[in-house]
Amino acid sequence: MNLSNNQRGVGLIEVMVALLLLAIAVLGFSALQMNALNATDESLIRSRAMSISKKLSENMRVNNLPTNDFTVELKKLNQGVNNITEYCNKVTQANSDFSQDSCKSAACTTKQIAALNTLQAAKLSCEQDIMLNMTACPEMSGINARQCIITSWNNTLPVLDSDNKEACGNSDGSYQIGSHCLVMETY
């Protein structure tokens, strides 16, 4: 076979173009796979957050306790906290400070039951790298005001605050863009 000078190297260029197209396709597939993994991780942590919120809500209903007792306990744990490490340190300290001794000889008070249930839920949330808080839901008032249990992760704070860019949601209850959290109503 006799090739002219104009045809030399054409096969090599075709192979290199094909390899370039294959490399672009593989990189695109890798990016797609990373997005799928991130979505799976987010789904798993949302499921855990929902489970923690549900457990706290059920404890409130089963014990028929005033929601204010739970809210007060969670506000204590979240006061002055800016990240998950500070939150979990406070939870650990509160668990070590909590004493059930007074409940051994007499019935526990509603505040003690609320504190115990709250600390159990907070400890569980720390084990999952999730922060937990509860506040009155926006635009809800009166005797049967609904409470919002807020769980957050990935540097999102479990608060509803329009002025804080790290907050889960705005003061009106809408989620902030880019936040990693879940808000569940309970009553």
C-alpha atoms as a PDB file:
ATOM      1  CA  MET A   1       0.000   0.000   0.000  1.00  0.00           C
ATOM      2  CA  ASN A   2       1.441   3.308  -1.015  1.00  0.00           C
ATOM      3  CA  LEU A   3       0.223   6.377   0.920  1.00  0.00           C
ATOM      4  CA  SER A   4       0.891   9.853  -0.262  1.00  0.00           C
ATOM      5  CA  ASN A   5       2.535  12.377   2.041  1.00  0.00           C
ATOM      6  CA  ASN A   6      -0.847  14.082   2.632  1.00  0.00           C
ATOM      7  CA  GLN A   7      -2.305  10.932   4.253  1.00  0.00           C
ATOM      8  CA  ARG A   8       0.458  10.174   6.772  1.00  0.00           C
ATOM      9  CA  GLY A   9      -0.595  10.533  10.447  1.00  0.00           C
ATOM     10  CA  VAL A  10      -4.349  10.832   9.707  1.00  0.00           C
ATOM     11  CA  GLY A  11      -5.064   7.554  11.559  1.00  0.00           C
ATOM     12  CA  LEU A  12      -3.184   8.773  14.621  1.00  0.00           C
ATOM     13  CA  ILE A  13      -5.205  12.008  14.721  1.00  0.00           C
ATOM     14  CA  GLU A  14      -8.453  10.019  14.478  1.00  0.00           C
ATOM     15  CA  VAL A  15      -7.377   7.795  17.362  1.00  0.00           C
ATOM     16  CA  MET A  16      -6.440  10.813  19.510  1.00  0.00           C
ATOM     17  CA  VAL A  17      -9.783  12.537  18.818  1.00  0.00           C
ATOM     18  CA  ALA A  18     -11.602   9.324  19.752  1.00  0.00           C
ATOM     19  CA  LEU A  19      -9.596   9.088  22.994  1.00  0.00           C
ATOM     20  CA  LEU A  20     -10.397  12.720  23.804  1.00  0.00           C
ATOM     21  CA  LEU A  21     -14.123  12.094  23.310  1.00  0.00           C
ATOM     22  CA  LEU A  22     -13.911   8.947  25.459  1.00  0.00           C
ATOM     23  CA  ALA A  23     -12.080  10.868  28.226  1.00  0.00           C
ATOM     24  CA  ILE A  24     -14.756  13.594  28.222  1.00  0.00           C
ATOM     25  CA  ALA A  25     -17.494  10.953  28.457  1.00  0.00           C
ATOM     26  CA  VAL A  26     -15.752   9.184  31.363  1.00  0.00           C
ATOM     27  CA  LEU A  27     -15.286  12.474  33.238  1.00  0.00           C
ATOM     28  CA  GLY A  28     -18.966  13.321  32.725  1.00  0.00           C
ATOM     29  CA  PHE A  29     -19.971   9.916  34.041  1.00  0.00           C
ATOM     30  CA  SER A  30     -17.700  10.381  37.089  1.00  0.00           C
ATOM     31  CA  ALA A  31     -19.306  13.748  37.867  1.00  0.00           C
ATOM     32  CA  LEU A  32     -22.745  12.178  37.530  1.00  0.00           C
ATOM     33  CA  GLN A  33     -21.709   9.391  39.914  1.00  0.00           C
ATOM     34  CA  MET A  34     -20.462  11.935  42.492  1.00  0.00           C
ATOM     35  CA  ASN A  35     -23.795  13.794  42.323  1.00  0.00           C
ATOM     36  CA  ALA A  36     -25.636  10.513  42.846  1.00  0.00           C
ATOM     37  CA  LEU A  37     -23.502   9.706  45.903  1.00  0.00           C
ATOM     38  CA  ASN A  38     -24.099  13.170  47.384  1.00  0.00           C
ATOM     39  CA  ALA A  39     -27.851  12.809  46.854  1.00  0.00           C
ATOM     40  CA  THR A  40     -27.777   9.397  48.542  1.00  0.00           C
ATOM     41  CA  ASP A  41     -25.876  10.812  51.544  1.00  0.00           C
ATOM     42  CA  GLU A  42     -28.329  13.720  51.835  1.00  0.00           C
ATOM     43  CA  SER A  43     -31.265  11.311  51.680  1.00  0.00           C
ATOM     44  CA  LEU A  44     -29.775   9.129  54.416  1.00  0.00           C
ATOM     45  CA  ILE A  45     -29.164  12.030  56.789  1.00  0.00           C
ATOM     46  CA  ARG A  46     -32.668  13.432  56.094  1.00  0.00           C
ATOM     47  CA  SER A  47     -34.094  10.045  57.016  1.00  0.00           C
ATOM     48  CA  ARG A  48     -32.115  10.048  60.277  1.00  0.00           C
ATOM     49  CA  ALA A  49     -33.204  13.613  61.045  1.00  0.00           C
ATOM     50  CA  MET A  50     -36.842  12.692  60.450  1.00  0.00           C
ATOM     51  CA  SER A  51     -36.493   9.707  62.762  1.00  0.00           C
ATOM     52  CA  ILE A  52     -35.031  11.855  65.563  1.00  0.00           C
ATOM     53  CA  SER A  53     -37.767  14.480  65.139  1.00  0.00           C
ATOM     54  CA  LYS A  54     -40.456  11.832  65.108  1.00  0.00           C
ATOM     55  CA  LYS A  55     -39.105  10.200  68.264  1.00  0.00           C
ATOM     56  CA  LEU A  56     -39.074  13.517  70.136  1.00  0.00           C
ATOM     57  CA  SER A  57     -42.587  14.328  68.916  1.00  0.00           C
ATOM     58  CA  GLU A  58     -43.885  10.923  69.999  1.00  0.00           C
ATOM     59  CA  ASN A  59     -42.294  11.297  73.443  1.00  0.00           C
ATOM     60  CA  MET A  60     -44.085  14.623  73.814  1.00  0.00           C
ATOM     61  CA  ARG A  61     -47.418  13.041  72.933  1.00  0.00           C
ATOM     62  CA  VAL A  62     -46.990   9.848  74.956  1.00  0.00           C
ATOM     63  CA  ASN A  63     -46.055  11.703  78.120  1.00  0.00           C
ATOM     64  CA  ASN A  64     -48.652  14.397  77.456  1.00  0.00           C
ATOM     65  CA  LEU A  65     -46.216  17.048  78.634  1.00  0.00           C
ATOM     66  CA  PRO A  66     -46.294  20.754  77.919  1.00  0.00           C
ATOM     67  CA  THR A  67     -44.250  21.415  74.783  1.00  0.00           C
ATOM     68  CA  ASN A  68     -42.779  24.456  76.481  1.00  0.00           C
ATOM     69  CA  ASP A  69     -40.722  22.173  78.766  1.00  0.00           C
ATOM     70  CA  PHE A  70     -39.088  20.551  75.730  1.00  0.00           C
ATOM     71  CA  THR A  71     -38.545  23.902  74.017  1.00  0.00           C
ATOM     72  CA  VAL A  72     -36.840  25.357  77.097  1.00  0.00           C
ATOM     73  CA  GLU A  73     -34.494  22.364  77.378  1.00  0.00           C
ATOM     74  CA  LEU A  74     -33.525  22.522  73.693  1.00  0.00           C
ATOM     75  CA  LYS A  75     -32.995  26.281  73.814  1.00  0.00           C
ATOM     76  CA  LYS A  76     -30.538  25.746  76.689  1.00  0.00           C
ATOM     77  CA  LEU A  77     -28.576  23.287  74.555  1.00  0.00           C
ATOM     78  CA  ASN A  78     -28.508  25.641  71.544  1.00  0.00           C
ATOM     79  CA  GLN A  79     -27.737  28.875  73.376  1.00  0.00           C
ATOM     80  CA  GLY A  80     -24.444  30.340  72.135  1.00  0.00           C
ATOM     81  CA  VAL A  81     -23.724  27.345  69.891  1.00  0.00           C
ATOM     82  CA  ASN A  82     -22.236  27.939  66.427  1.00  0.00           C
ATOM     83  CA  ASN A  83     -21.417  24.412  65.246  1.00  0.00           C
ATOM     84  CA  ILE A  84     -22.014  20.711  65.836  1.00  0.00           C
ATOM     85  CA  THR A  85     -18.936  20.307  68.048  1.00  0.00           C
ATOM     86  CA  GLU A  86     -20.055  22.996  70.499  1.00  0.00           C
ATOM     87  CA  TYR A  87     -23.587  21.587  70.464  1.00  0.00           C
ATOM     88  CA  CYS A  88     -22.469  18.026  71.212  1.00  0.00           C
ATOM     89  CA  ASN A  89     -20.125  19.236  73.959  1.00  0.00           C
ATOM     90  CA  LYS A  90     -23.109  20.953  75.617  1.00  0.00           C
ATOM     91  CA  VAL A  91     -25.236  17.815  75.184  1.00  0.00           C
ATOM     92  CA  THR A  92     -22.532  15.642  76.752  1.00  0.00           C
ATOM     93  CA  GLN A  93     -22.158  18.065  79.664  1.00  0.00           C
ATOM     94  CA  ALA A  94     -25.934  18.279  80.183  1.00  0.00           C
ATOM     95  CA  ASN A  95     -26.203  14.470  80.174  1.00  0.00           C
ATOM     96  CA  SER A  96     -23.499  14.169  82.813  1.00  0.00           C
ATOM     97  CA  ASP A  97     -25.122  16.913  84.921  1.00  0.00           C
ATOM     98  CA  PHE A  98     -28.620  15.416  84.703  1.00  0.00           C
ATOM     99  CA  SER A  99     -29.597  13.386  87.714  1.00  0.00           C
ATOM    100  CA  GLN A 100     -32.497  10.989  87.900  1.00  0.00           C
ATOM    101  CA  ASP A 101     -31.915  10.388  91.625  1.00  0.00           C
ATOM    102  CA  SER A 102     -34.918  12.485  92.634  1.00  0.00           C
ATOM    103  CA  CYS A 103     -37.149  10.284  90.461  1.00  0.00           C
ATOM    104  CA  LYS A 104     -36.128   7.074  92.253  1.00  0.00           C
ATOM    105  CA  SER A 105     -37.985   7.802  95.464  1.00  0.00           C
ATOM    106  CA  ALA A 106     -40.888   9.757  93.982  1.00  0.00           C
ATOM    107  CA  ALA A 107     -42.533  10.276  90.649  1.00  0.00           C
ATOM    108  CA  CYS A 108     -40.609  12.402  88.180  1.00  0.00           C
ATOM    109  CA  THR A 109     -41.910  15.878  87.551  1.00  0.00           C
ATOM    110  CA  THR A 110     -42.979  16.870  84.053  1.00  0.00           C
ATOM    111  CA  LYS A 111     -39.876  19.039  83.769  1.00  0.00           C
ATOM    112  CA  GLN A 112     -37.636  16.085  84.655  1.00  0.00           C
ATOM    113  CA  ILE A 113     -39.353  13.835  82.108  1.00  0.00           C
ATOM    114  CA  ALA A 114     -39.075  16.536  79.445  1.00  0.00           C
ATOM    115  CA  ALA A 115     -35.404  17.078  80.294  1.00  0.00           C
ATOM    116  CA  LEU A 116     -34.679  13.346  80.116  1.00  0.00           C
ATOM    117  CA  ASN A 117     -36.515  12.875  76.796  1.00  0.00           C
ATOM    118  CA  THR A 118     -34.866  15.972  75.343  1.00  0.00           C
ATOM    119  CA  LEU A 119     -31.382  14.892  76.391  1.00  0.00           C
ATOM    120  CA  GLN A 120     -31.951  11.412  74.964  1.00  0.00           C
ATOM    121  CA  ALA A 121     -33.029  12.887  71.611  1.00  0.00           C
ATOM    122  CA  ALA A 122     -30.114  15.362  71.637  1.00  0.00           C
ATOM    123  CA  LYS A 123     -27.631  12.591  72.393  1.00  0.00           C
ATOM    124  CA  LEU A 124     -29.037  10.519  69.533  1.00  0.00           C
ATOM    125  CA  SER A 125     -28.795  13.529  67.223  1.00  0.00           C
ATOM    126  CA  CYS A 126     -25.131  14.064  68.162  1.00  0.00           C
ATOM    127  CA  GLU A 127     -24.374  10.446  67.322  1.00  0.00           C
ATOM    128  CA  GLN A 128     -25.659  11.222  63.799  1.00  0.00           C
ATOM    129  CA  ASP A 129     -23.868  14.631  63.520  1.00  0.00           C
ATOM    130  CA  ILE A 130     -27.224  16.390  63.615  1.00  0.00           C
ATOM    131  CA  MET A 131     -28.203  19.417  65.695  1.00  0.00           C
ATOM    132  CA  LEU A 132     -31.685  19.558  67.234  1.00  0.00           C
ATOM    133  CA  ASN A 133     -33.850  22.497  68.289  1.00  0.00           C
ATOM    134  CA  MET A 134     -37.513  23.392  68.723  1.00  0.00           C
ATOM    135  CA  THR A 135     -39.351  26.677  68.457  1.00  0.00           C
ATOM    136  CA  ALA A 136     -42.892  27.916  67.961  1.00  0.00           C
ATOM    137  CA  CYS A 137     -43.752  27.665  64.280  1.00  0.00           C
ATOM    138  CA  PRO A 138     -44.037  31.026  62.527  1.00  0.00           C
ATOM    139  CA  GLU A 139     -47.495  32.601  62.500  1.00  0.00           C
ATOM    140  CA  MET A 140     -48.815  30.118  65.071  1.00  0.00           C
ATOM    141  CA  SER A 141     -50.150  31.487  68.320  1.00  0.00           C
ATOM    142  CA  GLY A 142     -52.612  30.552  70.994  1.00  0.00           C
ATOM    143  CA  ILE A 143     -52.983  27.642  73.372  1.00  0.00           C
ATOM    144  CA  ASN A 144     -52.526  24.936  70.723  1.00  0.00           C
ATOM    145  CA  ALA A 145     -49.579  26.582  68.992  1.00  0.00           C
ATOM    146  CA  ARG A 146     -47.666  24.193  66.822  1.00  0.00           C
ATOM    147  CA  GLN A 147     -44.011  23.677  67.531  1.00  0.00           C
ATOM    148  CA  CYS A 148     -41.363  23.246  64.841  1.00  0.00           C
ATOM    149  CA  ILE A 149     -38.709  20.628  65.549  1.00  0.00           C
ATOM    150  CA  ILE A 150     -35.647  21.688  63.570  1.00  0.00           C
ATOM    151  CA  THR A 151     -32.826  19.295  62.737  1.00  0.00           C
ATOM    152  CA  SER A 152     -29.748  20.501  60.863  1.00  0.00           C
ATOM    153  CA  TRP A 153     -26.397  19.256  59.631  1.00  0.00           C
ATOM    154  CA  ASN A 154     -23.409  20.374  57.512  1.00  0.00           C
ATOM    155  CA  ASN A 155     -22.818  23.724  59.263  1.00  0.00           C
ATOM    156  CA  THR A 156     -26.478  24.773  59.165  1.00  0.00           C
ATOM    157  CA  LEU A 157     -27.843  26.014  62.486  1.00  0.00           C
ATOM    158  CA  PRO A 158     -31.239  24.707  63.695  1.00  0.00           C
ATOM    159  CA  VAL A 159     -32.903  28.119  63.895  1.00  0.00           C
ATOM    160  CA  LEU A 160     -35.377  30.187  61.888  1.00  0.00           C
ATOM    161  CA  ASP A 161     -33.662  33.550  61.452  1.00  0.00           C
ATOM    162  CA  SER A 162     -33.724  35.739  58.334  1.00  0.00           C
ATOM    163  CA  ASP A 163     -30.601  37.633  59.466  1.00  0.00           C
ATOM    164  CA  ASN A 164     -28.378  34.552  59.868  1.00  0.00           C
ATOM    165  CA  LYS A 165     -27.037  33.033  56.641  1.00  0.00           C
ATOM    166  CA  GLU A 166     -26.216  29.783  58.454  1.00  0.00           C
ATOM    167  CA  ALA A 167     -29.799  29.371  59.739  1.00  0.00           C
ATOM    168  CA  CYS A 168     -32.032  26.570  58.532  1.00  0.00           C
ATOM    169  CA  GLY A 169     -34.832  28.897  57.537  1.00  0.00           C
ATOM    170  CA  ASN A 170     -36.085  32.441  57.471  1.00  0.00           C
ATOM    171  CA  SER A 171     -38.274  33.968  60.179  1.00  0.00           C
ATOM    172  CA  ASP A 172     -41.357  33.220  58.062  1.00  0.00           C
ATOM    173  CA  GLY A 173     -40.546  29.485  58.117  1.00  0.00           C
ATOM    174  CA  SER A 174     -39.266  29.126  54.543  1.00  0.00           C
ATOM    175  CA  TYR A 175     -36.020  27.241  54.015  1.00  0.00           C
ATOM    176  CA  GLN A 176     -32.899  29.242  53.233  1.00  0.00           C
ATOM    177  CA  ILE A 177     -31.193  28.399  49.946  1.00  0.00           C
ATOM    178  CA  GLY A 178     -28.335  25.973  50.475  1.00  0.00           C
ATOM    179  CA  SER A 179     -29.342  25.007  54.014  1.00  0.00           C
ATOM    180  CA  HIS A 180     -29.114  21.408  55.169  1.00  0.00           C
ATOM    181  CA  CYS A 181     -31.987  20.884  57.560  1.00  0.00           C
ATOM    182  CA  LEU A 182     -35.445  19.553  58.154  1.00  0.00           C
ATOM    183  CA  VAL A 183     -38.353  21.263  59.898  1.00  0.00           C
ATOM    184  CA  MET A 184     -41.188  19.133  61.263  1.00  0.00           C
ATOM    185  CA  GLU A 185     -44.339  20.501  62.880  1.00  0.00           C
ATOM    186  CA  THR A 186     -45.586  18.927  66.079  1.00  0.00           C
ATOM    187  CA  TYR A 187     -48.230  19.762  68.651  1.00  0.00           C
END
